[in-house]
Amino acid sequence: MELSDVLAMLYATYIIKGKWEYSNVPEMLKPQVKEILEAEELGHIAEESA
């Protein structure tokens, strides 16, 4: 497991618990975090408003 995988899981966990917002996730980790959220059927959280 790479560091980016661990960080993506950490961000996703914080987002699910309401302690962080997807918009604050670093751009390079957003695809991985979105994938994790979608796997948890929470993909709607990863939608950013324009």
Protein backbone atom coordinates (compact mmCIF):
# COMPACT_ATOMS: atom_id res chain seq x y z
CA MET A 1 0.00 0.00 0.00
CA GLU A 2 1.39 3.38 -1.00
CA LEU A 3 1.35 6.54 1.06
CA SER A 4 -1.17 8.12 -1.33
CA ASP A 5 -3.55 5.20 -0.69
CA VAL A 6 -3.29 5.71 3.05
CA LEU A 7 -3.84 9.46 2.73
CA ALA A 8 -6.85 8.95 0.45
CA MET A 9 -8.40 6.58 2.99
CA LEU A 10 -7.71 9.08 5.77
CA TYR A 11 -9.34 11.92 3.85
CA ALA A 12 -12.33 9.75 2.93
CA THR A 13 -12.78 8.72 6.56
CA TYR A 14 -12.67 12.34 7.73
CA ILE A 15 -15.17 13.33 5.02
CA ILE A 16 -17.56 10.54 6.01
CA LYS A 17 -17.34 11.60 9.66
CA GLY A 18 -18.02 15.22 8.70
CA LYS A 19 -14.63 16.52 9.84
CA TRP A 20 -13.38 17.50 6.37
CA GLU A 21 -14.88 18.59 3.05
CA TYR A 22 -14.12 17.06 -0.32
CA SER A 23 -13.30 20.48 -1.73
CA ASN A 24 -10.33 20.67 0.68
CA VAL A 25 -8.77 17.42 -0.54
CA PRO A 26 -5.54 17.97 -2.52
CA GLU A 27 -6.15 17.68 -6.28
CA MET A 28 -3.77 14.74 -6.66
CA LEU A 29 -5.78 12.68 -4.14
CA LYS A 30 -9.31 13.59 -5.28
CA PRO A 31 -9.69 10.69 -7.75
CA GLN A 32 -8.71 8.14 -5.09
CA VAL A 33 -10.89 9.74 -2.41
CA LYS A 34 -13.84 9.88 -4.82
CA GLU A 35 -13.36 6.19 -5.64
CA ILE A 36 -13.43 5.31 -1.94
CA LEU A 37 -16.55 7.41 -1.33
CA GLU A 38 -18.29 5.82 -4.33
CA ALA A 39 -17.42 2.35 -3.03
CA GLU A 40 -19.18 3.31 0.20
CA GLU A 41 -22.19 4.54 -1.83
CA LEU A 42 -21.36 8.13 -0.82
CA GLY A 43 -20.24 9.40 -4.21
CA HIS A 44 -22.63 12.35 -3.90
CA ILE A 45 -20.30 13.79 -1.24
CA ALA A 46 -17.55 14.04 -3.87
CA GLU A 47 -19.58 16.36 -6.07
CA GLU A 48 -18.23 19.88 -6.03
CA SER A 49 -20.40 22.87 -6.73
CA ALA A 50 -19.28 24.99 -9.65
